[in-house]
Amino acid sequence: MATDAPIVALPPQKRSILHVCKREMLRPLRDEVLRLSGFEVDSTLTAAEGLKMFWGRQYDLVLIDVEGEAGIHDAETLCSEIKTAQPEQIVAFVCNWRVALMTDCPDEILRTEFDPGAFARGVEHIVEGD
């Protein structure tokens, strides 16, 4: 039985990111860069709130800012809890090269960038799995 109903193309679904960043000044700037790059972003200042948000919905990427060596423990704890619950969840740390050498929990490391375009391209690369 043929139908004459038109085929409607659905708009592409925005990829969702959970951004956990303790830096009050930097977090909203990164969030805006990600939104302008086509991502849907939920963000928080604390790992505890980030874990609650993680349980509330599915994300394409959990992006955790690691500020200095002191932040490694909190970031790795959050990463470990997420990966234990959902091993397929992609988790990335945003950090400098020295911190990157000191951790092995996340799937990806996104180097700290002062260039918003490079930051957005790095996130896109991780989400797309390139």
C-alpha atoms as a PDB file:
ATOM      1  CA  MET A   1       0.000   0.000   0.000  1.00  0.00           C
ATOM      2  CA  ALA A   2       1.613   3.246  -1.123  1.00  0.00           C
ATOM      3  CA  THR A   3       1.365   6.424   0.846  1.00  0.00           C
ATOM      4  CA  ASP A   4       1.716   9.966  -0.380  1.00  0.00           C
ATOM      5  CA  ALA A   5       2.916  11.277   2.976  1.00  0.00           C
ATOM      6  CA  PRO A   6       5.882  13.570   2.556  1.00  0.00           C
ATOM      7  CA  ILE A   7       9.229  12.499   3.928  1.00  0.00           C
ATOM      8  CA  VAL A   8      10.280  14.877   6.648  1.00  0.00           C
ATOM      9  CA  ALA A   9      13.945  15.191   7.494  1.00  0.00           C
ATOM     10  CA  LEU A  10      14.443  15.550  11.210  1.00  0.00           C
ATOM     11  CA  PRO A  11      16.966  18.138  12.360  1.00  0.00           C
ATOM     12  CA  PRO A  12      20.222  16.616  13.541  1.00  0.00           C
ATOM     13  CA  GLN A  13      20.211  15.931  17.252  1.00  0.00           C
ATOM     14  CA  LYS A  14      22.607  18.090  19.218  1.00  0.00           C
ATOM     15  CA  ARG A  15      25.320  16.147  20.967  1.00  0.00           C
ATOM     16  CA  SER A  16      25.232  16.590  24.713  1.00  0.00           C
ATOM     17  CA  ILE A  17      28.143  17.360  26.991  1.00  0.00           C
ATOM     18  CA  LEU A  18      28.407  17.384  30.753  1.00  0.00           C
ATOM     19  CA  HIS A  19      31.109  19.928  31.628  1.00  0.00           C
ATOM     20  CA  VAL A  20      32.554  19.802  35.148  1.00  0.00           C
ATOM     21  CA  CYS A  21      34.834  22.764  35.849  1.00  0.00           C
ATOM     22  CA  LYS A  22      35.702  24.334  39.228  1.00  0.00           C
ATOM     23  CA  ARG A  23      36.858  27.601  37.678  1.00  0.00           C
ATOM     24  CA  GLU A  24      34.002  30.077  37.986  1.00  0.00           C
ATOM     25  CA  MET A  25      35.370  32.456  35.368  1.00  0.00           C
ATOM     26  CA  LEU A  26      36.355  29.845  32.777  1.00  0.00           C
ATOM     27  CA  ARG A  27      33.389  27.465  32.939  1.00  0.00           C
ATOM     28  CA  PRO A  28      30.774  29.808  31.397  1.00  0.00           C
ATOM     29  CA  LEU A  29      33.198  30.821  28.651  1.00  0.00           C
ATOM     30  CA  ARG A  30      33.885  27.218  27.672  1.00  0.00           C
ATOM     31  CA  ASP A  31      30.170  26.428  27.896  1.00  0.00           C
ATOM     32  CA  GLU A  32      29.422  29.254  25.463  1.00  0.00           C
ATOM     33  CA  VAL A  33      32.144  28.150  23.031  1.00  0.00           C
ATOM     34  CA  LEU A  34      30.662  24.644  23.054  1.00  0.00           C
ATOM     35  CA  ARG A  35      27.099  25.922  22.572  1.00  0.00           C
ATOM     36  CA  LEU A  36      28.181  28.142  19.677  1.00  0.00           C
ATOM     37  CA  SER A  37      29.835  25.038  18.185  1.00  0.00           C
ATOM     38  CA  GLY A  38      26.511  23.179  18.197  1.00  0.00           C
ATOM     39  CA  PHE A  39      26.665  21.229  21.453  1.00  0.00           C
ATOM     40  CA  GLU A  40      24.042  21.048  24.165  1.00  0.00           C
ATOM     41  CA  VAL A  41      25.877  21.730  27.440  1.00  0.00           C
ATOM     42  CA  ASP A  42      25.041  21.071  31.068  1.00  0.00           C
ATOM     43  CA  SER A  43      27.702  22.276  33.460  1.00  0.00           C
ATOM     44  CA  THR A  44      28.547  22.492  37.121  1.00  0.00           C
ATOM     45  CA  LEU A  45      31.304  23.655  39.420  1.00  0.00           C
ATOM     46  CA  THR A  46      31.501  20.484  41.532  1.00  0.00           C
ATOM     47  CA  ALA A  47      32.209  16.819  40.950  1.00  0.00           C
ATOM     48  CA  ALA A  48      29.394  15.836  43.339  1.00  0.00           C
ATOM     49  CA  GLU A  49      26.834  17.846  41.367  1.00  0.00           C
ATOM     50  CA  GLY A  50      28.345  16.513  38.133  1.00  0.00           C
ATOM     51  CA  LEU A  51      27.722  12.941  39.270  1.00  0.00           C
ATOM     52  CA  LYS A  52      24.093  13.791  40.106  1.00  0.00           C
ATOM     53  CA  MET A  53      23.655  15.352  36.668  1.00  0.00           C
ATOM     54  CA  PHE A  54      25.264  12.302  35.044  1.00  0.00           C
ATOM     55  CA  TRP A  55      22.658  10.041  36.639  1.00  0.00           C
ATOM     56  CA  GLY A  56      19.880  12.317  35.390  1.00  0.00           C
ATOM     57  CA  ARG A  57      20.475  11.922  31.654  1.00  0.00           C
ATOM     58  CA  GLN A  58      22.704  10.456  28.981  1.00  0.00           C
ATOM     59  CA  TYR A  59      25.650  12.440  27.625  1.00  0.00           C
ATOM     60  CA  ASP A  60      27.772  11.962  24.534  1.00  0.00           C
ATOM     61  CA  LEU A  61      30.780  13.239  26.490  1.00  0.00           C
ATOM     62  CA  VAL A  62      31.666  14.000  30.094  1.00  0.00           C
ATOM     63  CA  LEU A  63      34.292  16.740  30.025  1.00  0.00           C
ATOM     64  CA  ILE A  64      36.171  17.252  33.298  1.00  0.00           C
ATOM     65  CA  ASP A  65      38.500  20.197  33.812  1.00  0.00           C
ATOM     66  CA  VAL A  66      41.575  19.274  35.862  1.00  0.00           C
ATOM     67  CA  GLU A  67      43.117  22.380  37.339  1.00  0.00           C
ATOM     68  CA  GLY A  68      46.677  21.559  38.387  1.00  0.00           C
ATOM     69  CA  GLU A  69      47.974  18.494  40.132  1.00  0.00           C
ATOM     70  CA  ALA A  70      45.679  19.094  43.112  1.00  0.00           C
ATOM     71  CA  GLY A  71      42.604  18.457  40.951  1.00  0.00           C
ATOM     72  CA  ILE A  72      43.735  15.072  39.665  1.00  0.00           C
ATOM     73  CA  HIS A  73      42.316  13.061  42.580  1.00  0.00           C
ATOM     74  CA  ASP A  74      38.816  14.581  42.326  1.00  0.00           C
ATOM     75  CA  ALA A  75      38.779  14.214  38.539  1.00  0.00           C
ATOM     76  CA  GLU A  76      39.966  10.609  38.650  1.00  0.00           C
ATOM     77  CA  THR A  77      37.422   9.754  41.349  1.00  0.00           C
ATOM     78  CA  LEU A  78      34.583  11.185  39.248  1.00  0.00           C
ATOM     79  CA  CYS A  79      35.913   9.471  36.128  1.00  0.00           C
ATOM     80  CA  SER A  80      36.203   6.134  37.928  1.00  0.00           C
ATOM     81  CA  GLU A  81      32.650   6.334  39.305  1.00  0.00           C
ATOM     82  CA  ILE A  82      31.270   7.119  35.858  1.00  0.00           C
ATOM     83  CA  LYS A  83      33.296   4.432  34.059  1.00  0.00           C
ATOM     84  CA  THR A  84      32.384   1.823  36.693  1.00  0.00           C
ATOM     85  CA  ALA A  85      28.684   2.559  36.236  1.00  0.00           C
ATOM     86  CA  GLN A  86      28.786   2.957  32.453  1.00  0.00           C
ATOM     87  CA  PRO A  87      32.031   1.696  30.889  1.00  0.00           C
ATOM     88  CA  GLU A  88      30.925   2.873  27.424  1.00  0.00           C
ATOM     89  CA  GLN A  89      30.626   6.519  28.552  1.00  0.00           C
ATOM     90  CA  ILE A  90      33.293   8.713  26.941  1.00  0.00           C
ATOM     91  CA  VAL A  91      35.144  10.794  29.524  1.00  0.00           C
ATOM     92  CA  ALA A  92      37.765  13.410  28.684  1.00  0.00           C
ATOM     93  CA  PHE A  93      39.971  15.547  30.905  1.00  0.00           C
ATOM     94  CA  VAL A  94      40.871  19.119  29.982  1.00  0.00           C
ATOM     95  CA  CYS A  95      44.349  19.629  31.407  1.00  0.00           C
ATOM     96  CA  ASN A  96      47.950  20.609  30.765  1.00  0.00           C
ATOM     97  CA  TRP A  97      50.614  18.194  29.546  1.00  0.00           C
ATOM     98  CA  ARG A  98      52.059  17.526  33.010  1.00  0.00           C
ATOM     99  CA  VAL A  99      48.689  16.503  34.444  1.00  0.00           C
ATOM    100  CA  ALA A 100      48.050  14.368  31.354  1.00  0.00           C
ATOM    101  CA  LEU A 101      51.157  12.335  32.167  1.00  0.00           C
ATOM    102  CA  MET A 102      49.919  11.690  35.702  1.00  0.00           C
ATOM    103  CA  THR A 103      46.505  10.189  34.901  1.00  0.00           C
ATOM    104  CA  ASP A 104      45.154   7.192  33.043  1.00  0.00           C
ATOM    105  CA  CYS A 105      41.417   7.202  33.796  1.00  0.00           C
ATOM    106  CA  PRO A 106      39.874   9.200  30.962  1.00  0.00           C
ATOM    107  CA  ASP A 107      39.363   7.949  27.423  1.00  0.00           C
ATOM    108  CA  GLU A 108      40.791  11.180  26.041  1.00  0.00           C
ATOM    109  CA  ILE A 109      42.921  14.120  27.080  1.00  0.00           C
ATOM    110  CA  LEU A 110      42.076  17.525  25.682  1.00  0.00           C
ATOM    111  CA  ARG A 111      45.000  19.852  26.190  1.00  0.00           C
ATOM    112  CA  THR A 112      44.234  23.187  27.753  1.00  0.00           C
ATOM    113  CA  GLU A 113      43.779  25.627  24.902  1.00  0.00           C
ATOM    114  CA  PHE A 114      43.610  29.399  24.912  1.00  0.00           C
ATOM    115  CA  ASP A 115      42.214  29.206  21.388  1.00  0.00           C
ATOM    116  CA  PRO A 116      38.418  28.654  21.575  1.00  0.00           C
ATOM    117  CA  GLY A 117      38.319  27.220  18.051  1.00  0.00           C
ATOM    118  CA  ALA A 118      40.972  24.628  18.853  1.00  0.00           C
ATOM    119  CA  PHE A 119      39.103  23.721  22.042  1.00  0.00           C
ATOM    120  CA  ALA A 120      35.830  23.211  20.138  1.00  0.00           C
ATOM    121  CA  ARG A 121      37.588  21.186  17.394  1.00  0.00           C
ATOM    122  CA  GLY A 122      39.187  18.978  20.048  1.00  0.00           C
ATOM    123  CA  VAL A 123      35.802  18.269  21.634  1.00  0.00           C
ATOM    124  CA  GLU A 124      34.283  17.608  18.202  1.00  0.00           C
ATOM    125  CA  HIS A 125      37.093  15.144  17.441  1.00  0.00           C
ATOM    126  CA  ILE A 126      36.426  13.253  20.682  1.00  0.00           C
ATOM    127  CA  VAL A 127      32.628  13.137  20.263  1.00  0.00           C
ATOM    128  CA  GLU A 128      32.837  12.050  16.637  1.00  0.00           C
ATOM    129  CA  GLY A 129      35.406   9.370  17.479  1.00  0.00           C
ATOM    130  CA  ASP A 130      37.860  10.510  14.792  1.00  0.00           C
END
